[in-house]
Amino acid sequence: MVDEFEGLREKLHESIEESGLHSVKTIKISKKYNALVNFHYQNERQYKTDNLMYKKYVESLKHLRKITKDFVEFPTIKQWNHYAKENNLLNTESLKFISGSTWHDLRNKIYPNYK
């Protein structure tokens, strides 16, 4: 299962680099990745703490908080996706899906702490 997640994640990053974030190919891979997550967790939002997806989620949120604090500004979707790709973290779509929040809601939870 972990290999399947990793393989799709790598394909997704390659597609973003080659074709762009909003290309048909990237969107298709992203939907396939989300379907895999949905199938594996079957509408369950609780991840086991030893799960790779959960670990990447926690790591991504730590980085998101850190760069928000360092730059005293919450990153845009484009800025975060670039940073996430460079640092092997989850992109905005994955963070929104796992958290069950919009990017705006995540900003409201994180950014007020650093103003």
PDB file of N, CA and C in Angstrom:
ATOM      1  N   MET A   1       0.824  -1.192   0.000  1.00  0.00           N
ATOM      2  CA  MET A   1       0.000   0.000   0.000  1.00  0.00           C
ATOM      3  C   MET A   1       0.870   1.258   0.000  1.00  0.00           C
ATOM      4  N   VAL A   2       1.887   1.279   0.836  1.00  0.00           N
ATOM      5  CA  VAL A   2       2.776   2.436   0.917  1.00  0.00           C
ATOM      6  C   VAL A   2       3.453   2.668  -0.436  1.00  0.00           C
ATOM      7  N   ASP A   3       3.870   1.593  -1.089  1.00  0.00           N
ATOM      8  CA  ASP A   3       4.514   1.715  -2.396  1.00  0.00           C
ATOM      9  C   ASP A   3       3.574   2.335  -3.419  1.00  0.00           C
ATOM     10  N   GLU A   4       2.296   1.965  -3.340  1.00  0.00           N
ATOM     11  CA  GLU A   4       1.314   2.517  -4.275  1.00  0.00           C
ATOM     12  C   GLU A   4       1.123   4.015  -4.032  1.00  0.00           C
ATOM     13  N   PHE A   5       1.032   4.409  -2.757  1.00  0.00           N
ATOM     14  CA  PHE A   5       0.928   5.833  -2.420  1.00  0.00           C
ATOM     15  C   PHE A   5       2.160   6.588  -2.924  1.00  0.00           C
ATOM     16  N   GLU A   6       3.326   6.061  -2.629  1.00  0.00           N
ATOM     17  CA  GLU A   6       4.577   6.716  -3.026  1.00  0.00           C
ATOM     18  C   GLU A   6       4.701   6.813  -4.542  1.00  0.00           C
ATOM     19  N   GLY A   7       4.347   5.737  -5.236  1.00  0.00           N
ATOM     20  CA  GLY A   7       4.435   5.737  -6.696  1.00  0.00           C
ATOM     21  C   GLY A   7       3.545   6.798  -7.318  1.00  0.00           C
ATOM     22  N   LEU A   8       2.318   6.886  -6.846  1.00  0.00           N
ATOM     23  CA  LEU A   8       1.403   7.902  -7.370  1.00  0.00           C
ATOM     24  C   LEU A   8       1.857   9.310  -7.000  1.00  0.00           C
ATOM     25  N   ARG A   9       2.377   9.466  -5.790  1.00  0.00           N
ATOM     26  CA  ARG A   9       2.860  10.787  -5.372  1.00  0.00           C
ATOM     27  C   ARG A   9       4.011  11.233  -6.259  1.00  0.00           C
ATOM     28  N   GLU A  10       4.916  10.314  -6.555  1.00  0.00           N
ATOM     29  CA  GLU A  10       6.041  10.649  -7.441  1.00  0.00           C
ATOM     30  C   GLU A  10       5.549  11.009  -8.840  1.00  0.00           C
ATOM     31  N   LYS A  11       4.594  10.247  -9.363  1.00  0.00           N
ATOM     32  CA  LYS A  11       4.021  10.553 -10.679  1.00  0.00           C
ATOM     33  C   LYS A  11       3.357  11.928 -10.666  1.00  0.00           C
ATOM     34  N   LEU A  12       2.683  12.237  -9.567  1.00  0.00           N
ATOM     35  CA  LEU A  12       2.015  13.529  -9.440  1.00  0.00           C
ATOM     36  C   LEU A  12       3.028  14.665  -9.462  1.00  0.00           C
ATOM     37  N   HIS A  13       4.110  14.546  -8.704  1.00  0.00           N
ATOM     38  CA  HIS A  13       5.141  15.584  -8.700  1.00  0.00           C
ATOM     39  C   HIS A  13       5.793  15.722 -10.080  1.00  0.00           C
ATOM     40  N   GLU A  14       6.049  14.616 -10.749  1.00  0.00           N
ATOM     41  CA  GLU A  14       6.633  14.665 -12.089  1.00  0.00           C
ATOM     42  C   GLU A  14       5.692  15.362 -13.057  1.00  0.00           C
ATOM     43  N   SER A  15       4.417  15.036 -12.972  1.00  0.00           N
ATOM     44  CA  SER A  15       3.440  15.648 -13.864  1.00  0.00           C
ATOM     45  C   SER A  15       3.319  17.152 -13.618  1.00  0.00           C
ATOM     46  N   ILE A  16       3.347  17.550 -12.356  1.00  0.00           N
ATOM     47  CA  ILE A  16       3.291  18.980 -12.034  1.00  0.00           C
ATOM     48  C   ILE A  16       4.485  19.694 -12.650  1.00  0.00           C
ATOM     49  N   GLU A  17       5.660  19.084 -12.518  1.00  0.00           N
ATOM     50  CA  GLU A  17       6.871  19.687 -13.059  1.00  0.00           C
ATOM     51  C   GLU A  17       6.841  19.759 -14.584  1.00  0.00           C
ATOM     52  N   GLU A  18       6.390  18.679 -15.214  1.00  0.00           N
ATOM     53  CA  GLU A  18       6.399  18.611 -16.678  1.00  0.00           C
ATOM     54  C   GLU A  18       5.222  19.354 -17.316  1.00  0.00           C
ATOM     55  N   SER A  19       4.032  19.196 -16.739  1.00  0.00           N
ATOM     56  CA  SER A  19       2.821  19.678 -17.398  1.00  0.00           C
ATOM     57  C   SER A  19       2.130  20.830 -16.694  1.00  0.00           C
ATOM     58  N   GLY A  20       2.501  21.069 -15.441  1.00  0.00           N
ATOM     59  CA  GLY A  20       1.855  22.138 -14.685  1.00  0.00           C
ATOM     60  C   GLY A  20       0.793  21.589 -13.752  1.00  0.00           C
ATOM     61  N   LEU A  21       0.441  22.389 -12.768  1.00  0.00           N
ATOM     62  CA  LEU A  21      -0.484  21.992 -11.717  1.00  0.00           C
ATOM     63  C   LEU A  21      -1.892  21.726 -12.238  1.00  0.00           C
ATOM     64  N   HIS A  22      -2.319  22.464 -13.245  1.00  0.00           N
ATOM     65  CA  HIS A  22      -3.696  22.365 -13.715  1.00  0.00           C
ATOM     66  C   HIS A  22      -3.836  21.609 -15.030  1.00  0.00           C
ATOM     67  N   SER A  23      -2.802  20.866 -15.404  1.00  0.00           N
ATOM     68  CA  SER A  23      -2.886  20.110 -16.658  1.00  0.00           C
ATOM     69  C   SER A  23      -3.840  18.933 -16.499  1.00  0.00           C
ATOM     70  N   VAL A  24      -4.353  18.458 -17.615  1.00  0.00           N
ATOM     71  CA  VAL A  24      -5.266  17.320 -17.616  1.00  0.00           C
ATOM     72  C   VAL A  24      -4.582  16.096 -16.994  1.00  0.00           C
ATOM     73  N   LYS A  25      -3.328  15.885 -17.352  1.00  0.00           N
ATOM     74  CA  LYS A  25      -2.571  14.743 -16.833  1.00  0.00           C
ATOM     75  C   LYS A  25      -2.431  14.830 -15.313  1.00  0.00           C
ATOM     76  N   THR A  26      -2.062  15.996 -14.801  1.00  0.00           N
ATOM     77  CA  THR A  26      -1.876  16.177 -13.360  1.00  0.00           C
ATOM     78  C   THR A  26      -3.189  15.979 -12.616  1.00  0.00           C
ATOM     79  N   ILE A  27      -4.241  16.545 -13.135  1.00  0.00           N
ATOM     80  CA  ILE A  27      -5.556  16.409 -12.494  1.00  0.00           C
ATOM     81  C   ILE A  27      -5.990  14.947 -12.472  1.00  0.00           C
ATOM     82  N   LYS A  28      -5.733  14.227 -13.554  1.00  0.00           N
ATOM     83  CA  LYS A  28      -6.086  12.812 -13.627  1.00  0.00           C
ATOM     84  C   LYS A  28      -5.328  12.007 -12.558  1.00  0.00           C
ATOM     85  N   ILE A  29      -4.032  12.257 -12.422  1.00  0.00           N
ATOM     86  CA  ILE A  29      -3.228  11.553 -11.413  1.00  0.00           C
ATOM     87  C   ILE A  29      -3.685  11.933 -10.010  1.00  0.00           C
ATOM     88  N   SER A  30      -3.974  13.217  -9.805  1.00  0.00           N
ATOM     89  CA  SER A  30      -4.436  13.689  -8.498  1.00  0.00           C
ATOM     90  C   SER A  30      -5.748  13.008  -8.109  1.00  0.00           C
ATOM     91  N   LYS A  31      -6.662  12.887  -9.057  1.00  0.00           N
ATOM     92  CA  LYS A  31      -7.945  12.221  -8.787  1.00  0.00           C
ATOM     93  C   LYS A  31      -7.720  10.740  -8.465  1.00  0.00           C
ATOM     94  N   LYS A  32      -6.796  10.116  -9.172  1.00  0.00           N
ATOM     95  CA  LYS A  32      -6.482   8.711  -8.913  1.00  0.00           C
ATOM     96  C   LYS A  32      -5.904   8.558  -7.503  1.00  0.00           C
ATOM     97  N   TYR A  33      -5.029   9.488  -7.123  1.00  0.00           N
ATOM     98  CA  TYR A  33      -4.433   9.474  -5.783  1.00  0.00           C
ATOM     99  C   TYR A  33      -5.519   9.643  -4.719  1.00  0.00           C
ATOM    100  N   ASN A  34      -6.405  10.609  -4.932  1.00  0.00           N
ATOM    101  CA  ASN A  34      -7.488  10.838  -3.979  1.00  0.00           C
ATOM    102  C   ASN A  34      -8.406   9.629  -3.884  1.00  0.00           C
ATOM    103  N   ALA A  35      -8.674   8.972  -5.018  1.00  0.00           N
ATOM    104  CA  ALA A  35      -9.507   7.772  -5.009  1.00  0.00           C
ATOM    105  C   ALA A  35      -8.845   6.658  -4.205  1.00  0.00           C
ATOM    106  N   LEU A  36      -7.533   6.541  -4.326  1.00  0.00           N
ATOM    107  CA  LEU A  36      -6.797   5.541  -3.557  1.00  0.00           C
ATOM    108  C   LEU A  36      -6.912   5.824  -2.063  1.00  0.00           C
ATOM    109  N   VAL A  37      -6.757   7.078  -1.696  1.00  0.00           N
ATOM    110  CA  VAL A  37      -6.898   7.461  -0.291  1.00  0.00           C
ATOM    111  C   VAL A  37      -8.316   7.163   0.189  1.00  0.00           C
ATOM    112  N   ASN A  38      -9.307   7.552  -0.604  1.00  0.00           N
ATOM    113  CA  ASN A  38     -10.703   7.301  -0.229  1.00  0.00           C
ATOM    114  C   ASN A  38     -10.982   5.811  -0.074  1.00  0.00           C
ATOM    115  N   PHE A  39     -10.477   5.018  -1.012  1.00  0.00           N
ATOM    116  CA  PHE A  39     -10.681   3.577  -0.952  1.00  0.00           C
ATOM    117  C   PHE A  39     -10.029   2.991   0.294  1.00  0.00           C
ATOM    118  N   HIS A  40      -8.812   3.405   0.549  1.00  0.00           N
ATOM    119  CA  HIS A  40      -8.067   2.850   1.678  1.00  0.00           C
ATOM    120  C   HIS A  40      -8.719   3.212   3.011  1.00  0.00           C
ATOM    121  N   TYR A  41      -9.190   4.447   3.133  1.00  0.00           N
ATOM    122  CA  TYR A  41      -9.733   4.896   4.410  1.00  0.00           C
ATOM    123  C   TYR A  41     -11.253   4.869   4.459  1.00  0.00           C
ATOM    124  N   GLN A  42     -11.904   4.612   3.335  1.00  0.00           N
ATOM    125  CA  GLN A  42     -13.355   4.474   3.240  1.00  0.00           C
ATOM    126  C   GLN A  42     -14.103   5.459   4.137  1.00  0.00           C
ATOM    127  N   ASN A  43     -13.941   6.734   3.772  1.00  0.00           N
ATOM    128  CA  ASN A  43     -14.614   7.839   4.461  1.00  0.00           C
ATOM    129  C   ASN A  43     -14.185   8.006   5.917  1.00  0.00           C
ATOM    130  N   GLU A  44     -13.090   7.436   6.272  1.00  0.00           N
ATOM    131  CA  GLU A  44     -12.585   7.536   7.638  1.00  0.00           C
ATOM    132  C   GLU A  44     -11.535   8.639   7.683  1.00  0.00           C
ATOM    133  N   ARG A  45     -11.753   9.669   8.473  1.00  0.00           N
ATOM    134  CA  ARG A  45     -10.815  10.794   8.556  1.00  0.00           C
ATOM    135  C   ARG A  45      -9.750  10.565   9.621  1.00  0.00           C
ATOM    136  N   GLN A  46      -9.851   9.492  10.367  1.00  0.00           N
ATOM    137  CA  GLN A  46      -8.862   9.219  11.402  1.00  0.00           C
ATOM    138  C   GLN A  46      -7.743   8.359  10.824  1.00  0.00           C
ATOM    139  N   TYR A  47      -6.540   8.870  10.845  1.00  0.00           N
ATOM    140  CA  TYR A  47      -5.380   8.153  10.346  1.00  0.00           C
ATOM    141  C   TYR A  47      -4.602   7.600  11.531  1.00  0.00           C
ATOM    142  N   LYS A  48      -4.068   6.415  11.378  1.00  0.00           N
ATOM    143  CA  LYS A  48      -3.217   5.863  12.420  1.00  0.00           C
ATOM    144  C   LYS A  48      -1.921   6.670  12.441  1.00  0.00           C
ATOM    145  N   THR A  49      -1.369   6.883  13.601  1.00  0.00           N
ATOM    146  CA  THR A  49      -0.201   7.747  13.731  1.00  0.00           C
ATOM    147  C   THR A  49       1.049   7.167  13.083  1.00  0.00           C
ATOM    148  N   ASP A  50       1.075   5.860  12.823  1.00  0.00           N
ATOM    149  CA  ASP A  50       2.232   5.272  12.154  1.00  0.00           C
ATOM    150  C   ASP A  50       2.040   5.195  10.638  1.00  0.00           C
ATOM    151  N   ASN A  51       0.962   5.761  10.144  1.00  0.00           N
ATOM    152  CA  ASN A  51       0.637   5.750   8.729  1.00  0.00           C
ATOM    153  C   ASN A  51       1.461   6.803   7.984  1.00  0.00           C
ATOM    154  N   LEU A  52       1.977   6.466   6.816  1.00  0.00           N
ATOM    155  CA  LEU A  52       2.787   7.393   6.026  1.00  0.00           C
ATOM    156  C   LEU A  52       2.029   8.682   5.708  1.00  0.00           C
ATOM    157  N   MET A  53       0.761   8.562   5.327  1.00  0.00           N
ATOM    158  CA  MET A  53      -0.025   9.745   4.976  1.00  0.00           C
ATOM    159  C   MET A  53      -0.168  10.667   6.182  1.00  0.00           C
ATOM    160  N   TYR A  54      -0.430  10.097   7.333  1.00  0.00           N
ATOM    161  CA  TYR A  54      -0.558  10.897   8.548  1.00  0.00           C
ATOM    162  C   TYR A  54       0.764  11.592   8.870  1.00  0.00           C
ATOM    163  N   LYS A  55       1.861  10.859   8.763  1.00  0.00           N
ATOM    164  CA  LYS A  55       3.174  11.443   9.039  1.00  0.00           C
ATOM    165  C   LYS A  55       3.477  12.594   8.092  1.00  0.00           C
ATOM    166  N   LYS A  56       3.172  12.427   6.799  1.00  0.00           N
ATOM    167  CA  LYS A  56       3.397  13.499   5.819  1.00  0.00           C
ATOM    168  C   LYS A  56       2.498  14.696   6.112  1.00  0.00           C
ATOM    169  N   TYR A  57       1.289  14.438   6.551  1.00  0.00           N
ATOM    170  CA  TYR A  57       0.354  15.502   6.899  1.00  0.00           C
ATOM    171  C   TYR A  57       0.898  16.329   8.064  1.00  0.00           C
ATOM    172  N   VAL A  58       1.315  15.654   9.120  1.00  0.00           N
ATOM    173  CA  VAL A  58       1.861  16.343  10.301  1.00  0.00           C
ATOM    174  C   VAL A  58       3.123  17.117   9.928  1.00  0.00           C
ATOM    175  N   GLU A  59       4.006  16.486   9.160  1.00  0.00           N
ATOM    176  CA  GLU A  59       5.244  17.147   8.730  1.00  0.00           C
ATOM    177  C   GLU A  59       4.934  18.377   7.881  1.00  0.00           C
ATOM    178  N   SER A  60       3.967  18.251   6.994  1.00  0.00           N
ATOM    179  CA  SER A  60       3.586  19.374   6.125  1.00  0.00           C
ATOM    180  C   SER A  60       3.030  20.534   6.939  1.00  0.00           C
ATOM    181  N   LEU A  61       2.186  20.229   7.919  1.00  0.00           N
ATOM    182  CA  LEU A  61       1.635  21.293   8.765  1.00  0.00           C
ATOM    183  C   LEU A  61       2.721  21.987   9.583  1.00  0.00           C
ATOM    184  N   LYS A  62       3.708  21.230  10.044  1.00  0.00           N
ATOM    185  CA  LYS A  62       4.823  21.844  10.774  1.00  0.00           C
ATOM    186  C   LYS A  62       5.570  22.834   9.888  1.00  0.00           C
ATOM    187  N   HIS A  63       5.822  22.429   8.655  1.00  0.00           N
ATOM    188  CA  HIS A  63       6.504  23.321   7.710  1.00  0.00           C
ATOM    189  C   HIS A  63       5.645  24.536   7.389  1.00  0.00           C
ATOM    190  N   LEU A  64       4.357  24.317   7.229  1.00  0.00           N
ATOM    191  CA  LEU A  64       3.440  25.416   6.921  1.00  0.00           C
ATOM    192  C   LEU A  64       3.446  26.439   8.057  1.00  0.00           C
ATOM    193  N   ARG A  65       3.416  25.960   9.282  1.00  0.00           N
ATOM    194  CA  ARG A  65       3.479  26.872  10.434  1.00  0.00           C
ATOM    195  C   ARG A  65       4.822  27.607  10.482  1.00  0.00           C
ATOM    196  N   LYS A  66       5.895  26.871  10.212  1.00  0.00           N
ATOM    197  CA  LYS A  66       7.232  27.464  10.276  1.00  0.00           C
ATOM    198  C   LYS A  66       7.415  28.561   9.236  1.00  0.00           C
ATOM    199  N   ILE A  67       7.043  28.298   7.988  1.00  0.00           N
ATOM    200  CA  ILE A  67       7.257  29.340   6.979  1.00  0.00           C
ATOM    201  C   ILE A  67       6.305  30.512   7.188  1.00  0.00           C
ATOM    202  N   THR A  68       5.119  30.235   7.745  1.00  0.00           N
ATOM    203  CA  THR A  68       4.212  31.333   8.066  1.00  0.00           C
ATOM    204  C   THR A  68       4.830  32.211   9.156  1.00  0.00           C
ATOM    205  N   LYS A  69       5.418  31.575  10.141  1.00  0.00           N
ATOM    206  CA  LYS A  69       6.069  32.324  11.222  1.00  0.00           C
ATOM    207  C   LYS A  69       7.292  33.074  10.698  1.00  0.00           C
ATOM    208  N   ASP A  70       8.131  32.403   9.924  1.00  0.00           N
ATOM    209  CA  ASP A  70       9.362  33.018   9.416  1.00  0.00           C
ATOM    210  C   ASP A  70       9.095  34.219   8.514  1.00  0.00           C
ATOM    211  N   PHE A  71       8.074  34.113   7.673  1.00  0.00           N
ATOM    212  CA  PHE A  71       7.798  35.179   6.711  1.00  0.00           C
ATOM    213  C   PHE A  71       6.644  36.081   7.143  1.00  0.00           C
ATOM    214  N   VAL A  72       6.042  35.777   8.303  1.00  0.00           N
ATOM    215  CA  VAL A  72       4.900  36.523   8.842  1.00  0.00           C
ATOM    216  C   VAL A  72       3.836  36.701   7.763  1.00  0.00           C
ATOM    217  N   GLU A  73       3.655  35.640   7.006  1.00  0.00           N
ATOM    218  CA  GLU A  73       2.659  35.659   5.935  1.00  0.00           C
ATOM    219  C   GLU A  73       2.324  34.221   5.572  1.00  0.00           C
ATOM    220  N   PHE A  74       1.049  33.947   5.429  1.00  0.00           N
ATOM    221  CA  PHE A  74       0.614  32.615   5.026  1.00  0.00           C
ATOM    222  C   PHE A  74       0.814  32.487   3.516  1.00  0.00           C
ATOM    223  N   PRO A  75       1.406  31.373   3.066  1.00  0.00           N
ATOM    224  CA  PRO A  75       1.696  31.242   1.630  1.00  0.00           C
ATOM    225  C   PRO A  75       0.429  31.088   0.790  1.00  0.00           C
ATOM    226  N   THR A  76       0.521  31.527  -0.448  1.00  0.00           N
ATOM    227  CA  THR A  76      -0.569  31.287  -1.394  1.00  0.00           C
ATOM    228  C   THR A  76      -0.540  29.815  -1.782  1.00  0.00           C
ATOM    229  N   ILE A  77      -1.560  29.376  -2.450  1.00  0.00           N
ATOM    230  CA  ILE A  77      -1.609  27.990  -2.922  1.00  0.00           C
ATOM    231  C   ILE A  77      -0.421  27.713  -3.832  1.00  0.00           C
ATOM    232  N   LYS A  78      -0.134  28.619  -4.734  1.00  0.00           N
ATOM    233  CA  LYS A  78       0.982  28.440  -5.666  1.00  0.00           C
ATOM    234  C   LYS A  78       2.318  28.379  -4.906  1.00  0.00           C
ATOM    235  N   GLN A  79       2.503  29.282  -3.956  1.00  0.00           N
ATOM    236  CA  GLN A  79       3.745  29.294  -3.175  1.00  0.00           C
ATOM    237  C   GLN A  79       3.906  27.999  -2.382  1.00  0.00           C
ATOM    238  N   TRP A  80       2.823  27.560  -1.723  1.00  0.00           N
ATOM    239  CA  TRP A  80       2.925  26.337  -0.931  1.00  0.00           C
ATOM    240  C   TRP A  80       3.201  25.123  -1.820  1.00  0.00           C
ATOM    241  N   ASN A  81       2.501  25.004  -2.948  1.00  0.00           N
ATOM    242  CA  ASN A  81       2.707  23.846  -3.812  1.00  0.00           C
ATOM    243  C   ASN A  81       4.143  23.780  -4.317  1.00  0.00           C
ATOM    244  N   HIS A  82       4.726  24.920  -4.606  1.00  0.00           N
ATOM    245  CA  HIS A  82       6.133  24.961  -5.018  1.00  0.00           C
ATOM    246  C   HIS A  82       7.026  24.502  -3.862  1.00  0.00           C
ATOM    247  N   TYR A  83       6.800  25.056  -2.684  1.00  0.00           N
ATOM    248  CA  TYR A  83       7.581  24.698  -1.500  1.00  0.00           C
ATOM    249  C   TYR A  83       7.406  23.211  -1.179  1.00  0.00           C
ATOM    250  N   ALA A  84       6.174  22.726  -1.227  1.00  0.00           N
ATOM    251  CA  ALA A  84       5.883  21.325  -0.904  1.00  0.00           C
ATOM    252  C   ALA A  84       6.601  20.380  -1.862  1.00  0.00           C
ATOM    253  N   LYS A  85       6.604  20.732  -3.128  1.00  0.00           N
ATOM    254  CA  LYS A  85       7.274  19.897  -4.120  1.00  0.00           C
ATOM    255  C   LYS A  85       8.777  19.850  -3.846  1.00  0.00           C
ATOM    256  N   GLU A  86       9.354  21.004  -3.551  1.00  0.00           N
ATOM    257  CA  GLU A  86      10.791  21.085  -3.281  1.00  0.00           C
ATOM    258  C   GLU A  86      11.194  20.343  -2.002  1.00  0.00           C
ATOM    259  N   ASN A  87      10.263  20.222  -1.056  1.00  0.00           N
ATOM    260  CA  ASN A  87      10.579  19.634   0.242  1.00  0.00           C
ATOM    261  C   ASN A  87       9.873  18.299   0.497  1.00  0.00           C
ATOM    262  N   ASN A  88       9.324  17.722  -0.571  1.00  0.00           N
ATOM    263  CA  ASN A  88       8.692  16.399  -0.479  1.00  0.00           C
ATOM    264  C   ASN A  88       7.573  16.378   0.569  1.00  0.00           C
ATOM    265  N   LEU A  89       6.692  17.382   0.497  1.00  0.00           N
ATOM    266  CA  LEU A  89       5.572  17.504   1.424  1.00  0.00           C
ATOM    267  C   LEU A  89       4.265  17.383   0.658  1.00  0.00           C
ATOM    268  N   LEU A  90       3.152  17.373   1.368  1.00  0.00           N
ATOM    269  CA  LEU A  90       1.840  17.282   0.735  1.00  0.00           C
ATOM    270  C   LEU A  90       1.452  18.626   0.127  1.00  0.00           C
ATOM    271  N   ASN A  91       0.808  18.571  -1.037  1.00  0.00           N
ATOM    272  CA  ASN A  91       0.358  19.801  -1.686  1.00  0.00           C
ATOM    273  C   ASN A  91      -0.938  20.298  -1.050  1.00  0.00           C
ATOM    274  N   THR A  92      -1.426  21.420  -1.528  1.00  0.00           N
ATOM    275  CA  THR A  92      -2.606  22.036  -0.923  1.00  0.00           C
ATOM    276  C   THR A  92      -3.834  21.135  -1.021  1.00  0.00           C
ATOM    277  N   GLU A  93      -4.015  20.456  -2.144  1.00  0.00           N
ATOM    278  CA  GLU A  93      -5.183  19.597  -2.310  1.00  0.00           C
ATOM    279  C   GLU A  93      -5.179  18.472  -1.283  1.00  0.00           C
ATOM    280  N   SER A  94      -4.032  17.875  -1.062  1.00  0.00           N
ATOM    281  CA  SER A  94      -3.935  16.793  -0.072  1.00  0.00           C
ATOM    282  C   SER A  94      -4.167  17.327   1.339  1.00  0.00           C
ATOM    283  N   LEU A  95      -3.589  18.480   1.661  1.00  0.00           N
ATOM    284  CA  LEU A  95      -3.794  19.070   2.990  1.00  0.00           C
ATOM    285  C   LEU A  95      -5.270  19.408   3.218  1.00  0.00           C
ATOM    286  N   LYS A  96      -5.910  19.963   2.195  1.00  0.00           N
ATOM    287  CA  LYS A  96      -7.330  20.300   2.322  1.00  0.00           C
ATOM    288  C   LYS A  96      -8.164  19.041   2.511  1.00  0.00           C
ATOM    289  N   PHE A  97      -7.855  18.002   1.739  1.00  0.00           N
ATOM    290  CA  PHE A  97      -8.621  16.765   1.818  1.00  0.00           C
ATOM    291  C   PHE A  97      -8.485  16.120   3.192  1.00  0.00           C
ATOM    292  N   ILE A  98      -7.269  15.968   3.656  1.00  0.00           N
ATOM    293  CA  ILE A  98      -7.035  15.285   4.931  1.00  0.00           C
ATOM    294  C   ILE A  98      -7.585  16.088   6.107  1.00  0.00           C
ATOM    295  N   SER A  99      -7.414  17.398   6.058  1.00  0.00           N
ATOM    296  CA  SER A  99      -7.893  18.235   7.163  1.00  0.00           C
ATOM    297  C   SER A  99      -9.396  18.453   7.117  1.00  0.00           C
ATOM    298  N   GLY A 100      -9.987  18.258   5.940  1.00  0.00           N
ATOM    299  CA  GLY A 100     -11.412  18.538   5.790  1.00  0.00           C
ATOM    300  C   GLY A 100     -11.693  20.028   5.810  1.00  0.00           C
ATOM    301  N   SER A 101     -10.675  20.820   5.470  1.00  0.00           N
ATOM    302  CA  SER A 101     -10.777  22.285   5.506  1.00  0.00           C
ATOM    303  C   SER A 101     -10.425  22.877   4.154  1.00  0.00           C
ATOM    304  N   THR A 102     -10.824  24.103   3.948  1.00  0.00           N
ATOM    305  CA  THR A 102     -10.390  24.838   2.762  1.00  0.00           C
ATOM    306  C   THR A 102      -9.037  25.465   3.070  1.00  0.00           C
ATOM    307  N   TRP A 103      -8.357  25.959   2.031  1.00  0.00           N
ATOM    308  CA  TRP A 103      -7.077  26.635   2.238  1.00  0.00           C
ATOM    309  C   TRP A 103      -7.298  27.882   3.103  1.00  0.00           C
ATOM    310  N   HIS A 104      -8.404  28.554   2.896  1.00  0.00           N
ATOM    311  CA  HIS A 104      -8.761  29.743   3.673  1.00  0.00           C
ATOM    312  C   HIS A 104      -8.921  29.374   5.154  1.00  0.00           C
ATOM    313  N   ASP A 105      -9.593  28.249   5.436  1.00  0.00           N
ATOM    314  CA  ASP A 105      -9.775  27.813   6.826  1.00  0.00           C
ATOM    315  C   ASP A 105      -8.437  27.461   7.482  1.00  0.00           C
ATOM    316  N   LEU A 106      -7.572  26.785   6.735  1.00  0.00           N
ATOM    317  CA  LEU A 106      -6.247  26.462   7.268  1.00  0.00           C
ATOM    318  C   LEU A 106      -5.481  27.743   7.599  1.00  0.00           C
ATOM    319  N   ARG A 107      -5.555  28.731   6.703  1.00  0.00           N
ATOM    320  CA  ARG A 107      -4.894  30.020   6.958  1.00  0.00           C
ATOM    321  C   ARG A 107      -5.433  30.655   8.230  1.00  0.00           C
ATOM    322  N   ASN A 108      -6.747  30.623   8.401  1.00  0.00           N
ATOM    323  CA  ASN A 108      -7.352  31.233   9.584  1.00  0.00           C
ATOM    324  C   ASN A 108      -6.942  30.527  10.870  1.00  0.00           C
ATOM    325  N   LYS A 109      -6.647  29.229  10.789  1.00  0.00           N
ATOM    326  CA  LYS A 109      -6.206  28.481  11.970  1.00  0.00           C
ATOM    327  C   LYS A 109      -4.739  28.743  12.297  1.00  0.00           C
ATOM    328  N   ILE A 110      -3.922  28.951  11.277  1.00  0.00           N
ATOM    329  CA  ILE A 110      -2.478  29.075  11.465  1.00  0.00           C
ATOM    330  C   ILE A 110      -2.006  30.523  11.529  1.00  0.00           C
ATOM    331  N   TYR A 111      -2.411  31.340  10.585  1.00  0.00           N
ATOM    332  CA  TYR A 111      -1.877  32.691  10.428  1.00  0.00           C
ATOM    333  C   TYR A 111      -2.116  33.630  11.609  1.00  0.00           C
ATOM    334  N   PRO A 112      -3.291  33.643  12.242  1.00  0.00           N
ATOM    335  CA  PRO A 112      -3.511  34.585  13.359  1.00  0.00           C
ATOM    336  C   PRO A 112      -2.500  34.436  14.486  1.00  0.00           C
ATOM    337  N   ASN A 113      -1.909  33.267  14.613  1.00  0.00           N
ATOM    338  CA  ASN A 113      -0.914  33.048  15.672  1.00  0.00           C
ATOM    339  C   ASN A 113       0.388  33.790  15.435  1.00  0.00           C
ATOM    340  N   TYR A 114       0.616  34.265  14.211  1.00  0.00           N
ATOM    341  CA  TYR A 114       1.900  34.885  13.880  1.00  0.00           C
ATOM    342  C   TYR A 114       1.793  36.356  13.474  1.00  0.00           C
ATOM    343  N   LYS A 115       0.648  36.946  13.652  1.00  0.00           N
ATOM    344  CA  LYS A 115       0.489  38.366  13.319  1.00  0.00           C
ATOM    345  C   LYS A 115       1.095  39.229  14.396  1.00  0.00           C
TER     346      LYS A 115
END
